[in-house]
N, C-alpha and C. Protein backbone atom coordinates (compact mmCIF):
# COMPACT_ATOMS: atom_id res chain seq x y z
N MET A 1 2.97 -8.04 -22.71
CA MET A 1 2.74 -8.85 -22.73
C MET A 1 1.74 -8.99 -21.66
N ARG A 2 0.74 -9.58 -21.85
CA ARG A 2 -0.40 -10.20 -20.34
C ARG A 2 0.63 -10.79 -19.11
N LEU A 3 1.20 -11.54 -19.67
CA LEU A 3 1.86 -12.84 -18.76
C LEU A 3 3.22 -11.97 -17.93
N GLN A 4 3.44 -11.33 -18.40
CA GLN A 4 4.47 -10.11 -17.47
C GLN A 4 4.14 -9.27 -16.85
N SER A 5 3.22 -8.53 -17.45
CA SER A 5 2.59 -7.92 -16.93
C SER A 5 1.82 -8.65 -14.96
N ALA A 6 1.69 -9.51 -15.78
CA ALA A 6 0.26 -10.49 -14.29
C ALA A 6 1.80 -10.88 -13.58
N SER A 7 2.92 -11.71 -13.68
CA SER A 7 4.13 -11.66 -13.00
C SER A 7 4.28 -10.37 -12.30
N ARG A 8 4.33 -9.16 -12.70
CA ARG A 8 5.04 -7.99 -12.11
C ARG A 8 4.01 -7.67 -11.18
N LYS A 9 2.64 -7.94 -11.58
CA LYS A 9 1.88 -7.38 -10.46
C LYS A 9 1.82 -8.61 -9.03
N ILE A 10 2.43 -9.95 -9.58
CA ILE A 10 2.60 -11.17 -8.80
C ILE A 10 3.51 -10.40 -7.58
N LEU A 11 4.53 -10.56 -8.65
CA LEU A 11 5.80 -10.16 -7.76
C LEU A 11 5.75 -9.15 -6.73
N GLY A 12 5.43 -7.91 -6.94
CA GLY A 12 5.33 -6.89 -6.65
C GLY A 12 4.26 -6.32 -4.95
N GLY A 13 3.16 -7.85 -5.59
CA GLY A 13 2.97 -7.95 -3.88
C GLY A 13 3.28 -8.26 -3.14
N LEU A 14 4.43 -9.65 -3.57
CA LEU A 14 5.19 -10.44 -2.81
C LEU A 14 6.20 -9.52 -2.14
N GLY A 15 6.44 -8.38 -2.34
CA GLY A 15 8.06 -7.30 -2.42
C GLY A 15 8.79 -7.34 -2.76
N LEU A 16 8.96 -8.38 -4.21
CA LEU A 16 10.02 -8.83 -5.18
C LEU A 16 9.59 -7.97 -6.22
N ARG A 17 11.19 -7.36 -6.92
CA ARG A 17 11.25 -6.95 -8.41
C ARG A 17 11.71 -7.75 -9.27
N VAL A 18 10.91 -7.67 -10.65
CA VAL A 18 11.68 -9.11 -11.49
C VAL A 18 12.97 -7.37 -12.40
N VAL A 19 13.98 -8.13 -12.30
CA VAL A 19 15.40 -7.33 -12.44
C VAL A 19 15.49 -7.99 -13.87
N ARG A 20 15.90 -9.54 -14.39
CA ARG A 20 14.99 -10.19 -15.78
C ARG A 20 14.31 -10.40 -15.87
N GLU A 21 13.54 -10.67 -17.14
CA GLU A 21 12.11 -11.47 -17.50
C GLU A 21 12.46 -12.72 -18.38
N ALA A 22 11.78 -13.79 -18.32
CA ALA A 22 12.42 -14.82 -18.37
C ALA A 22 11.35 -15.48 -19.43
N GLU A 23 11.37 -16.21 -20.54
CA GLU A 23 10.89 -16.19 -21.47
C GLU A 23 9.58 -17.63 -21.05
N PHE A 24 8.30 -17.29 -20.99
CA PHE A 24 7.34 -18.67 -20.53
C PHE A 24 6.69 -18.97 -22.43
N ASP A 25 6.82 -20.67 -21.64
CA ASP A 25 5.96 -21.10 -23.01
C ASP A 25 5.03 -21.10 -23.35
N ALA A 26 4.09 -21.60 -24.64
CA ALA A 26 2.66 -21.16 -25.24
C ALA A 26 1.82 -21.82 -23.45
N SER A 27 2.13 -22.99 -22.91
CA SER A 27 1.17 -23.72 -22.57
C SER A 27 0.93 -22.80 -21.11
N ILE A 28 1.97 -22.38 -20.31
CA ILE A 28 2.41 -21.19 -19.47
C ILE A 28 1.87 -19.95 -19.30
N ARG A 29 1.84 -19.36 -20.71
CA ARG A 29 1.10 -18.50 -21.17
C ARG A 29 -0.92 -18.71 -21.29
N ALA A 30 -1.21 -19.64 -21.60
CA ALA A 30 -2.78 -19.76 -21.72
C ALA A 30 -3.17 -20.21 -20.18
N GLU A 31 -2.14 -21.12 -19.45
CA GLU A 31 -2.86 -21.32 -18.27
C GLU A 31 -2.99 -19.70 -17.68
N ALA A 32 -1.62 -19.18 -17.97
CA ALA A 32 -1.90 -17.42 -16.95
C ALA A 32 -2.96 -17.29 -17.51
N ARG A 33 -3.48 -16.75 -18.93
CA ARG A 33 -4.72 -16.44 -19.17
C ARG A 33 -5.92 -17.09 -19.22
N ARG A 34 -6.14 -18.50 -18.42
CA ARG A 34 -7.09 -18.82 -17.84
C ARG A 34 -7.17 -18.58 -16.90
N LEU A 35 -6.46 -18.88 -16.28
CA LEU A 35 -6.90 -18.69 -14.39
C LEU A 35 -6.98 -16.45 -14.23
N GLN A 36 -6.64 -15.81 -15.54
CA GLN A 36 -7.08 -14.34 -15.32
C GLN A 36 -5.49 -13.89 -13.68
N LEU A 37 -4.59 -14.47 -13.91
CA LEU A 37 -3.72 -13.77 -13.42
C LEU A 37 -3.89 -12.07 -12.69
N SER A 38 -3.73 -11.49 -13.80
CA SER A 38 -4.09 -10.24 -13.55
C SER A 38 -4.84 -9.92 -12.02
N GLU A 39 -6.09 -10.34 -12.28
CA GLU A 39 -7.07 -10.34 -11.48
C GLU A 39 -6.52 -10.78 -9.74
N LEU A 40 -5.84 -11.37 -9.84
CA LEU A 40 -5.66 -12.40 -8.18
C LEU A 40 -5.04 -10.48 -7.25
N ALA A 41 -6.16 -11.04 -6.28
CA ALA A 41 -5.67 -10.05 -5.41
C ALA A 41 -4.36 -11.02 -4.19
N TYR A 42 -3.54 -10.19 -4.14
CA TYR A 42 -2.67 -10.60 -3.07
C TYR A 42 -2.74 -10.66 -2.03
N ASP A 43 -2.30 -11.72 -1.08
CA ASP A 43 -3.19 -11.67 0.65
C ASP A 43 -1.80 -12.49 1.44
N SER A 44 -1.32 -11.29 1.85
CA SER A 44 -0.31 -11.90 2.53
C SER A 44 -0.82 -12.70 3.69
N THR A 45 -1.67 -13.46 4.25
CA THR A 45 -2.05 -14.15 5.48
C THR A 45 -2.06 -15.98 4.27
N ARG A 46 -2.14 -15.56 3.30
CA ARG A 46 -3.00 -17.64 2.43
C ARG A 46 -0.88 -17.77 2.08
N ASP A 47 -0.20 -16.87 1.99
CA ASP A 47 1.39 -17.28 1.27
C ASP A 47 2.10 -18.15 1.41
N GLY A 48 2.10 -18.37 3.22
CA GLY A 48 2.95 -19.02 3.85
C GLY A 48 4.39 -18.03 4.16
N SER A 49 4.04 -16.34 4.18
CA SER A 49 5.36 -15.99 4.77
C SER A 49 5.19 -15.75 6.45
N LEU A 50 6.67 -15.48 6.38
CA LEU A 50 6.81 -15.08 8.07
C LEU A 50 6.59 -13.70 7.93
N ALA A 51 6.15 -13.86 9.24
CA ALA A 51 6.01 -12.42 9.88
C ALA A 51 7.19 -11.52 10.32
N ALA A 52 7.15 -10.31 10.49
CA ALA A 52 8.68 -9.56 10.72
C ALA A 52 9.29 -10.46 11.96
N GLU A 53 8.89 -10.61 13.03
CA GLU A 53 9.75 -11.15 14.48
C GLU A 53 10.50 -12.69 13.94
N GLU A 54 9.59 -13.17 13.24
CA GLU A 54 10.17 -14.60 12.44
C GLU A 54 11.02 -14.49 11.68
N TYR A 55 11.28 -13.80 10.65
CA TYR A 55 12.24 -12.86 9.95
C TYR A 55 13.62 -12.80 10.76
N ALA A 56 13.26 -11.70 11.28
CA ALA A 56 14.06 -11.15 13.09
C ALA A 56 15.13 -12.76 13.45
N LEU A 57 13.53 -13.74 13.91
CA LEU A 57 15.36 -14.94 14.38
C LEU A 57 15.95 -15.30 13.04
N LEU A 58 15.26 -15.83 12.15
CA LEU A 58 15.79 -16.16 10.71
C LEU A 58 16.74 -15.69 10.06
N GLU A 59 17.36 -13.88 10.21
CA GLU A 59 18.19 -13.16 10.41
C GLU A 59 19.40 -13.87 10.77
N GLN A 60 18.56 -13.95 12.60
CA GLN A 60 19.86 -14.45 13.24
C GLN A 60 20.72 -15.42 12.44
N LEU A 61 20.04 -16.28 12.99
CA LEU A 61 20.20 -17.87 12.65
C LEU A 61 21.22 -18.20 11.59
N VAL A 62 20.76 -17.23 10.65
CA VAL A 62 21.81 -17.07 9.30
C VAL A 62 23.59 -16.98 9.84
N ALA A 63 22.73 -15.96 10.48
CA ALA A 63 24.35 -14.89 10.98
C ALA A 63 24.55 -16.01 11.56
N GLU A 64 24.42 -16.41 12.15
CA GLU A 64 24.79 -17.59 13.10
C GLU A 64 25.91 -18.79 12.23
N SER A 65 24.60 -19.09 11.00
CA SER A 65 25.79 -20.57 10.46
C SER A 65 26.29 -19.69 9.40
N ASN A 66 26.62 -18.44 9.68
CA ASN A 66 27.71 -17.79 8.62
C ASN A 66 29.01 -18.07 9.10
N ALA A 67 29.12 -18.74 10.12
CA ALA A 67 30.38 -19.11 10.94
C ALA A 67 30.71 -20.33 11.06
N LEU A 68 29.68 -21.09 10.27
CA LEU A 68 29.99 -22.78 10.21
C LEU A 68 30.05 -23.30 9.19
N ASP A 69 31.18 -24.21 8.85
CA ASP A 69 31.22 -24.73 7.69
C ASP A 69 29.94 -25.12 6.98
N GLY A 70 29.29 -25.47 5.52
CA GLY A 70 28.69 -26.17 5.22
C GLY A 70 27.06 -25.18 4.43
N PRO A 71 26.76 -25.84 3.53
CA PRO A 71 25.60 -24.76 2.87
C PRO A 71 24.10 -24.70 3.54
N LEU A 72 23.22 -23.74 3.25
CA LEU A 72 21.96 -23.90 3.97
C LEU A 72 21.04 -24.78 2.90
N ILE A 73 20.29 -25.16 3.77
CA ILE A 73 19.25 -25.35 2.92
C ILE A 73 17.94 -25.31 3.37
N GLU A 74 17.01 -24.96 2.54
CA GLU A 74 15.42 -24.79 2.83
C GLU A 74 14.72 -25.71 2.11
N ILE A 75 13.77 -26.08 3.05
CA ILE A 75 12.93 -27.23 2.54
C ILE A 75 11.29 -26.54 2.74
N GLY A 76 10.96 -26.32 0.92
CA GLY A 76 9.81 -25.08 0.95
C GLY A 76 10.09 -24.27 0.27
N THR A 77 10.09 -23.48 -0.73
CA THR A 77 10.25 -22.81 -1.78
C THR A 77 9.51 -21.82 -1.50
N LEU A 78 8.48 -22.54 -2.23
CA LEU A 78 7.13 -21.72 -2.30
C LEU A 78 7.37 -20.43 -3.82
N PHE A 79 7.58 -19.13 -3.00
CA PHE A 79 7.22 -18.58 -3.98
C PHE A 79 8.97 -17.75 -3.99
N GLY A 80 9.87 -18.24 -2.82
CA GLY A 80 10.87 -17.63 -3.28
C GLY A 80 11.28 -16.53 -2.11
N ARG A 81 10.34 -15.96 -1.81
CA ARG A 81 10.17 -14.71 -0.55
C ARG A 81 11.27 -14.96 0.57
N THR A 82 11.34 -16.39 1.36
CA THR A 82 12.47 -16.00 2.44
C THR A 82 13.60 -16.89 1.89
N THR A 83 13.83 -17.46 0.60
CA THR A 83 15.13 -17.67 -0.18
C THR A 83 15.76 -16.45 -0.33
N SER A 84 15.17 -15.27 -0.91
CA SER A 84 15.61 -14.27 -0.89
C SER A 84 16.16 -13.15 0.10
N LYS A 85 15.85 -13.60 0.99
CA LYS A 85 15.58 -12.77 2.02
C LYS A 85 17.33 -13.05 3.19
N MET A 86 17.27 -14.68 3.01
CA MET A 86 18.48 -15.67 3.54
C MET A 86 19.45 -15.27 2.64
N ALA A 87 18.99 -15.11 1.40
CA ALA A 87 20.33 -15.02 0.58
C ALA A 87 21.06 -13.06 0.31
N LEU A 88 20.18 -12.26 1.43
CA LEU A 88 20.44 -11.35 1.79
C LEU A 88 21.78 -11.44 2.92
N TRP A 89 21.19 -12.70 3.68
CA TRP A 89 21.98 -12.50 4.87
C TRP A 89 23.13 -13.26 5.13
N LYS A 90 23.40 -14.20 4.29
CA LYS A 90 24.02 -15.24 4.37
C LYS A 90 25.54 -14.52 3.89
N SER A 91 27.01 -15.16 3.94
CA SER A 91 28.22 -14.47 3.75
C SER A 91 28.07 -14.98 2.20
N ALA A 92 28.74 -14.58 1.57
CA ALA A 92 28.86 -14.52 -0.18
C ALA A 92 29.61 -15.52 -0.06
N ALA A 93 30.10 -16.64 0.86
CA ALA A 93 30.57 -18.27 0.60
C ALA A 93 30.06 -19.35 0.31
N LYS A 94 28.50 -18.65 0.81
CA LYS A 94 27.21 -20.03 1.50
C LYS A 94 26.60 -20.31 -0.33
N THR A 95 26.24 -21.05 -0.15
CA THR A 95 25.33 -21.63 -1.07
C THR A 95 23.85 -21.92 -0.15
N ILE A 96 23.19 -21.73 -0.70
CA ILE A 96 21.38 -21.81 -0.34
C ILE A 96 20.75 -23.30 -1.51
N PHE A 97 20.41 -24.03 -1.13
CA PHE A 97 19.37 -25.36 -1.69
C PHE A 97 17.93 -25.06 -1.10
N THR A 98 17.41 -24.81 -2.14
CA THR A 98 16.29 -24.40 -1.73
C THR A 98 15.06 -25.49 -2.87
N LEU A 99 14.79 -26.31 -2.03
CA LEU A 99 14.15 -27.69 -2.22
C LEU A 99 12.26 -27.77 -2.28
N ASP A 100 11.62 -27.93 -3.58
CA ASP A 100 9.90 -27.60 -3.64
C ASP A 100 10.02 -28.44 -4.81
N ASN A 101 8.55 -29.22 -4.32
CA ASN A 101 7.96 -30.21 -5.84
C ASN A 101 7.20 -29.58 -6.45
N TYR A 102 6.73 -28.39 -6.26
CA TYR A 102 5.66 -27.20 -6.50
C TYR A 102 4.58 -28.02 -7.12
N ALA A 103 4.08 -28.88 -5.98
CA ALA A 103 2.59 -29.39 -5.91
C ALA A 103 1.48 -28.58 -5.35
N TRP A 104 2.11 -28.24 -4.55
CA TRP A 104 0.96 -27.12 -3.66
C TRP A 104 1.42 -25.67 -3.99
N ASN A 105 0.37 -24.42 -3.86
CA ASN A 105 0.70 -22.68 -3.65
C ASN A 105 -0.49 -22.52 -3.51
N PRO A 106 -0.73 -21.50 -3.10
CA PRO A 106 -2.31 -20.81 -2.73
C PRO A 106 -2.76 -20.23 -3.46
N TRP A 107 -2.18 -19.62 -4.67
CA TRP A 107 -2.85 -19.64 -5.56
C TRP A 107 -3.58 -20.32 -6.88
N LYS A 108 -3.29 -21.64 -6.82
CA LYS A 108 -3.75 -23.27 -7.22
C LYS A 108 -3.28 -22.67 -8.40
N LEU A 109 -1.73 -22.23 -9.07
CA LEU A 109 -1.04 -22.82 -9.83
C LEU A 109 -0.85 -23.63 -10.72
N THR A 110 -0.80 -23.87 -11.59
CA THR A 110 -0.50 -25.45 -11.99
C THR A 110 1.31 -26.05 -12.07
N PRO A 111 1.34 -26.80 -11.37
CA PRO A 111 3.06 -26.79 -10.67
C PRO A 111 3.73 -26.30 -11.68
N GLN A 112 3.81 -26.30 -13.05
CA GLN A 112 4.69 -26.08 -13.98
C GLN A 112 5.28 -24.40 -14.08
N MET A 113 3.55 -24.05 -13.61
CA MET A 113 3.68 -22.63 -13.81
C MET A 113 4.18 -21.71 -12.69
N HIS A 114 3.71 -22.72 -11.70
CA HIS A 114 4.50 -22.31 -9.85
C HIS A 114 6.29 -22.10 -10.20
N PHE A 115 6.37 -23.47 -10.34
CA PHE A 115 7.80 -23.14 -10.90
C PHE A 115 8.42 -22.64 -11.54
N GLN A 116 7.85 -21.90 -12.78
CA GLN A 116 8.78 -20.94 -13.41
C GLN A 116 8.23 -19.89 -13.28
N LEU A 117 7.44 -19.35 -12.24
CA LEU A 117 7.36 -18.71 -11.77
C LEU A 117 8.38 -17.89 -10.53
N THR A 118 8.35 -19.08 -9.86
CA THR A 118 9.73 -18.70 -8.43
C THR A 118 10.73 -18.58 -9.33
N SER A 119 11.21 -19.53 -10.35
CA SER A 119 12.49 -19.54 -11.13
C SER A 119 12.58 -17.53 -11.02
N LEU A 120 11.77 -17.20 -11.76
CA LEU A 120 11.96 -15.69 -12.10
C LEU A 120 11.90 -15.06 -10.90
N VAL A 121 11.51 -15.53 -10.02
CA VAL A 121 12.34 -14.68 -8.84
C VAL A 121 13.21 -14.95 -8.24
N LEU A 122 13.71 -15.62 -8.36
CA LEU A 122 14.93 -16.49 -7.89
C LEU A 122 16.22 -16.52 -8.79
N GLN A 123 15.84 -16.17 -10.13
CA GLN A 123 16.46 -15.93 -11.58
C GLN A 123 18.03 -15.37 -11.41
N TYR A 124 18.07 -14.56 -10.92
CA TYR A 124 19.58 -14.20 -10.67
C TYR A 124 20.64 -14.48 -9.37
N LEU A 125 19.82 -14.76 -8.55
CA LEU A 125 20.61 -15.57 -7.61
C LEU A 125 20.74 -16.98 -7.93
N THR A 126 20.05 -17.58 -8.88
CA THR A 126 20.75 -18.94 -9.08
C THR A 126 21.29 -18.27 -10.43
N ASP A 127 21.24 -17.47 -11.40
CA ASP A 127 22.17 -16.74 -11.96
C ASP A 127 23.48 -17.11 -11.48
N THR A 128 23.60 -16.16 -10.34
CA THR A 128 25.20 -15.81 -9.92
C THR A 128 25.84 -16.97 -8.65
N GLY A 129 24.89 -18.22 -9.02
CA GLY A 129 25.29 -19.53 -8.14
C GLY A 129 24.80 -18.87 -6.93
N GLN A 130 24.42 -18.16 -5.82
CA GLN A 130 24.25 -18.31 -4.82
C GLN A 130 23.01 -18.64 -4.37
N VAL A 131 22.21 -19.27 -4.87
CA VAL A 131 21.14 -20.17 -5.26
C VAL A 131 21.49 -21.42 -5.84
N VAL A 132 20.86 -23.15 -5.56
CA VAL A 132 20.32 -23.69 -6.15
C VAL A 132 18.97 -23.83 -5.99
N GLN A 133 17.95 -23.60 -6.70
CA GLN A 133 16.95 -24.06 -6.95
C GLN A 133 16.33 -25.22 -7.03
N VAL A 134 15.83 -26.43 -6.41
CA VAL A 134 16.06 -27.97 -6.94
C VAL A 134 14.55 -28.20 -6.65
N ARG A 135 14.33 -28.72 -7.90
CA ARG A 135 12.57 -29.25 -8.06
C ARG A 135 13.02 -31.09 -7.97
N ALA A 136 12.53 -30.90 -6.49
CA ALA A 136 12.50 -32.88 -6.47
C ALA A 136 11.78 -32.96 -5.23
N ASP A 137 11.62 -34.21 -5.27
CA ASP A 137 10.85 -34.86 -3.53
C ASP A 137 11.85 -34.35 -2.56
N LYS A 138 11.07 -34.03 -1.54
CA LYS A 138 12.04 -33.11 -0.63
C LYS A 138 12.71 -34.33 0.35
N ASP A 139 12.46 -35.18 0.60
CA ASP A 139 12.70 -36.67 1.28
C ASP A 139 13.74 -37.32 0.31
N GLU A 140 12.94 -37.63 -1.06
CA GLU A 140 14.21 -38.38 -1.82
C GLU A 140 15.55 -37.38 -1.39
N TRP A 141 15.54 -36.23 -1.88
CA TRP A 141 16.41 -35.33 -2.04
C TRP A 141 17.69 -35.24 -0.58
N MET A 142 16.98 -34.96 0.49
CA MET A 142 17.21 -35.28 1.97
C MET A 142 17.75 -36.23 2.35
N SER A 143 17.51 -37.31 1.25
CA SER A 143 18.07 -38.84 1.83
C SER A 143 19.35 -39.34 0.67
N GLN A 144 19.35 -38.47 -0.04
CA GLN A 144 20.82 -38.86 -1.25
C GLN A 144 21.61 -37.95 -0.95
N TYR A 145 21.26 -37.03 -0.11
CA TYR A 145 22.17 -35.74 0.80
C TYR A 145 23.81 -36.80 1.12
N HIS A 146 24.98 -36.03 0.11
CA HIS A 146 26.24 -37.07 0.94
C HIS A 146 27.62 -35.77 1.02
N GLU A 147 26.71 -34.55 0.56
CA GLU A 147 27.64 -33.12 0.22
C GLU A 147 28.38 -33.02 1.58
N ARG A 148 29.04 -31.65 2.48
CA ARG A 148 29.45 -31.17 3.60
C ARG A 148 28.04 -31.20 4.48
N PRO A 149 28.47 -31.56 5.66
CA PRO A 149 27.50 -30.58 6.21
C PRO A 149 26.18 -29.95 6.76
N PRO A 150 25.36 -29.58 6.36
CA PRO A 150 25.09 -28.10 6.30
C PRO A 150 24.86 -27.41 7.30
N ALA A 151 25.18 -26.10 7.32
CA ALA A 151 25.16 -25.56 8.49
C ALA A 151 23.99 -24.92 9.21
N LEU A 152 22.95 -24.61 8.39
CA LEU A 152 21.30 -24.47 8.24
C LEU A 152 20.53 -25.35 7.72
N VAL A 153 19.39 -25.72 8.51
CA VAL A 153 17.95 -26.80 7.18
C VAL A 153 17.12 -26.19 7.98
N PHE A 154 16.03 -25.57 7.10
CA PHE A 154 15.12 -24.34 7.19
C PHE A 154 13.89 -25.02 6.89
N CYS A 155 13.00 -25.97 8.07
CA CYS A 155 12.12 -26.48 7.31
C CYS A 155 10.98 -25.92 7.71
N ASP A 156 10.36 -25.40 5.81
CA ASP A 156 9.23 -24.79 5.83
C ASP A 156 8.15 -25.42 4.79
N ALA A 157 7.95 -26.96 4.99
CA ALA A 157 6.97 -27.35 3.44
C ALA A 157 5.55 -28.01 3.62
N ASP A 158 5.56 -29.65 3.48
CA ASP A 158 4.15 -30.03 4.94
C ASP A 158 4.75 -30.24 6.27
N HIS A 159 3.40 -29.28 6.86
CA HIS A 159 3.29 -29.51 8.57
C HIS A 159 2.87 -30.12 8.65
N SER A 160 2.31 -31.77 8.60
CA SER A 160 2.07 -32.47 9.13
C SER A 160 3.05 -33.41 10.48
N TYR A 161 2.67 -33.76 11.26
CA TYR A 161 3.64 -34.37 12.35
C TYR A 161 4.49 -35.43 11.36
N GLU A 162 4.12 -35.92 10.36
CA GLU A 162 5.17 -37.38 9.99
C GLU A 162 6.14 -36.41 9.24
N ALA A 163 5.12 -35.69 8.38
CA ALA A 163 6.47 -34.86 7.41
C ALA A 163 7.63 -34.06 8.63
N THR A 164 7.15 -33.00 9.26
CA THR A 164 7.81 -33.05 10.04
C THR A 164 8.52 -33.58 10.73
N ALA A 165 8.87 -34.67 11.41
CA ALA A 165 9.39 -35.05 12.25
C ALA A 165 10.58 -35.42 11.06
N ARG A 166 10.26 -36.37 9.80
CA ARG A 166 10.93 -37.00 9.07
C ARG A 166 11.56 -35.85 8.30
N ASP A 167 11.51 -34.62 8.18
CA ASP A 167 12.18 -33.11 7.85
C ASP A 167 13.20 -33.21 8.76
N ILE A 168 13.09 -33.49 10.13
CA ILE A 168 14.27 -33.28 11.22
C ILE A 168 14.74 -34.28 11.72
N ARG A 169 14.31 -35.76 10.60
CA ARG A 169 15.55 -36.66 11.05
C ARG A 169 16.11 -36.48 10.00
N LEU A 170 15.69 -36.37 8.76
CA LEU A 170 16.77 -36.27 7.50
C LEU A 170 17.57 -35.37 8.00
N ALA A 171 17.74 -34.23 8.22
CA ALA A 171 18.65 -32.83 8.29
C ALA A 171 19.30 -33.52 9.41
N ARG A 172 19.19 -33.78 10.35
CA ARG A 172 20.19 -34.59 11.83
C ARG A 172 20.85 -35.09 10.97
N GLU A 173 20.24 -36.55 10.33
CA GLU A 173 21.38 -37.64 9.54
C GLU A 173 22.36 -36.26 8.64
N ALA A 174 21.43 -35.49 7.80
CA ALA A 174 22.79 -34.65 7.04
C ALA A 174 24.01 -34.26 7.86
N GLY A 175 23.51 -34.05 9.17
CA GLY A 175 24.49 -33.16 9.64
C GLY A 175 24.74 -31.55 9.92
N ALA A 176 22.84 -31.32 10.03
CA ALA A 176 22.98 -30.20 9.94
C ALA A 176 23.21 -29.76 11.84
N ARG A 177 24.05 -28.21 11.71
CA ARG A 177 24.31 -27.76 12.88
C ARG A 177 23.31 -26.63 13.44
N ILE A 178 22.61 -26.36 12.71
CA ILE A 178 21.11 -25.30 13.37
C ILE A 178 19.59 -25.97 12.68
N VAL A 179 18.91 -26.24 12.86
CA VAL A 179 17.69 -27.37 12.63
C VAL A 179 17.01 -25.73 12.75
N CYS A 180 15.61 -25.86 11.98
CA CYS A 180 14.87 -24.76 12.39
C CYS A 180 13.56 -25.02 11.65
N GLY A 181 12.22 -23.99 11.95
CA GLY A 181 11.18 -24.33 10.85
C GLY A 181 10.56 -23.26 11.43
N HIS A 182 9.60 -23.32 10.74
CA HIS A 182 8.28 -22.67 10.64
C HIS A 182 6.77 -23.31 10.76
N ASP A 183 5.56 -22.02 11.46
CA ASP A 183 4.44 -22.79 11.72
C ASP A 183 4.44 -23.99 12.91
N TYR A 184 5.48 -23.23 14.46
CA TYR A 184 4.81 -23.82 15.81
C TYR A 184 3.61 -22.83 16.52
N SER A 185 3.05 -23.78 15.77
CA SER A 185 0.80 -23.42 16.73
C SER A 185 0.57 -23.93 16.69
N PRO A 186 -1.09 -24.13 17.07
CA PRO A 186 -1.75 -24.47 17.34
C PRO A 186 -2.64 -25.04 16.11
N GLU A 187 -2.43 -24.46 14.72
CA GLU A 187 -3.07 -24.84 13.59
C GLU A 187 -2.06 -25.99 13.00
N HIS A 188 -1.36 -26.06 13.83
CA HIS A 188 -0.09 -27.19 13.05
C HIS A 188 -0.12 -27.97 13.84
N PRO A 189 -1.21 -29.34 15.39
CA PRO A 189 -0.19 -29.46 15.99
C PRO A 189 1.09 -30.26 15.59
N GLY A 190 0.97 -30.70 14.56
CA GLY A 190 1.66 -31.65 14.02
C GLY A 190 2.97 -31.32 14.16
N VAL A 191 3.61 -29.90 14.15
CA VAL A 191 4.61 -29.46 14.02
C VAL A 191 5.44 -29.35 15.79
N ILE A 192 4.55 -28.90 16.22
CA ILE A 192 4.52 -29.19 17.65
C ILE A 192 5.27 -30.07 17.85
N ARG A 193 4.05 -31.19 17.95
CA ARG A 193 4.69 -32.15 18.40
C ARG A 193 6.22 -32.95 18.15
N ALA A 194 6.31 -32.58 16.38
CA ALA A 194 7.50 -33.51 16.30
C ALA A 194 8.57 -32.48 16.97
N VAL A 195 8.44 -31.32 16.68
CA VAL A 195 9.76 -30.53 17.30
C VAL A 195 9.63 -31.10 19.10
N GLU A 196 8.88 -30.98 19.23
CA GLU A 196 8.59 -32.07 20.85
C GLU A 196 9.56 -32.39 21.23
N GLU A 197 9.18 -34.01 20.55
CA GLU A 197 9.28 -35.04 20.50
C GLU A 197 11.11 -35.56 20.52
N ASN A 198 11.43 -33.96 19.87
CA ASN A 198 13.06 -34.17 18.91
C ASN A 198 13.60 -33.01 20.06
N GLY A 199 12.95 -32.97 20.90
CA GLY A 199 14.15 -31.65 21.83
C GLY A 199 13.38 -30.81 22.44
N GLY A 200 12.70 -30.16 21.66
CA GLY A 200 11.86 -29.06 21.82
C GLY A 200 12.82 -28.02 21.33
N CYS A 201 11.91 -26.45 21.77
CA CYS A 201 12.78 -25.29 21.23
C CYS A 201 13.52 -24.42 21.79
N ALA A 202 15.03 -24.31 21.55
CA ALA A 202 15.79 -23.62 21.70
C ALA A 202 15.33 -22.22 21.29
N GLN A 203 14.94 -21.72 20.85
CA GLN A 203 13.74 -20.43 20.13
C GLN A 203 12.96 -20.70 19.72
N LEU A 204 12.13 -19.56 19.95
CA LEU A 204 11.16 -19.48 19.19
C LEU A 204 10.49 -18.03 19.09
N ALA A 205 10.15 -17.51 18.43
CA ALA A 205 9.72 -16.33 17.69
C ALA A 205 8.31 -15.95 16.90
N GLY A 206 7.32 -15.49 17.34
CA GLY A 206 6.16 -16.01 16.48
C GLY A 206 6.09 -17.25 16.15
N THR A 207 5.93 -18.10 15.18
CA THR A 207 6.03 -19.88 14.80
C THR A 207 6.91 -20.30 14.41
N LEU A 208 8.23 -19.03 14.63
CA LEU A 208 9.28 -20.18 13.77
C LEU A 208 10.49 -20.04 15.03
N TRP A 209 10.65 -21.70 14.56
CA TRP A 209 11.40 -22.58 16.27
C TRP A 209 12.85 -22.58 15.77
N ARG A 210 13.77 -22.60 16.14
CA ARG A 210 14.80 -23.64 16.56
C ARG A 210 15.19 -24.95 17.28
N LEU A 211 15.56 -25.89 17.11
CA LEU A 211 15.52 -27.02 17.45
C LEU A 211 16.49 -26.88 18.49
N ARG A 212 16.27 -27.16 19.48
CA ARG A 212 17.49 -27.77 20.48
C ARG A 212 18.21 -29.04 20.04
N ASP A 213 19.67 -28.41 20.39
CA ASP A 213 20.50 -29.27 19.92
C ASP A 213 20.81 -30.54 21.07
N ARG A 214 21.35 -31.25 20.30
CA ARG A 214 20.69 -32.45 21.04
C ARG A 214 21.81 -32.98 22.18
């Protein structure tokens, strides 16, 4: 099927392999044809992916979180690439909650197609209970989170000052032991400002930051 072929191409570009394929409804198939996904070229600089040194620091932070109680929370799923990496590094007892409202993606997919495609990427992890894929407004979900304090919160969604500051505040209110995020760079001055106003970087690799403990 054309959509399945397009999905394989996109996921292959992301460095991911489809282990089981879900059925897409007619509207998603029509949207895929309209966008001619099979012709989309993958560009790793446009999809929000982390660089190798940034993944190395994130792996270190996930390993540290394995010794702490509580789940991992990722704010900003996009296509689930970083979620999948974190799932490889976490301990078997850990659960990852990954949050996104699927309102934005670099390929201009509809929110529903974006959600469906990311669900396909994460299907094995969600089926086995390692990941909980949450489609919701991140601020609303985090403000209503009253489970065990998270071992780690990774912020990689809206990179404005207001949104980043709010993500940090909500992570701390939830009791997060490790707060970290992406895009601490001149291209995202709001991230730099929010991090510095909340204690600054304890660690920095590329643009991946770990917030200093209070």
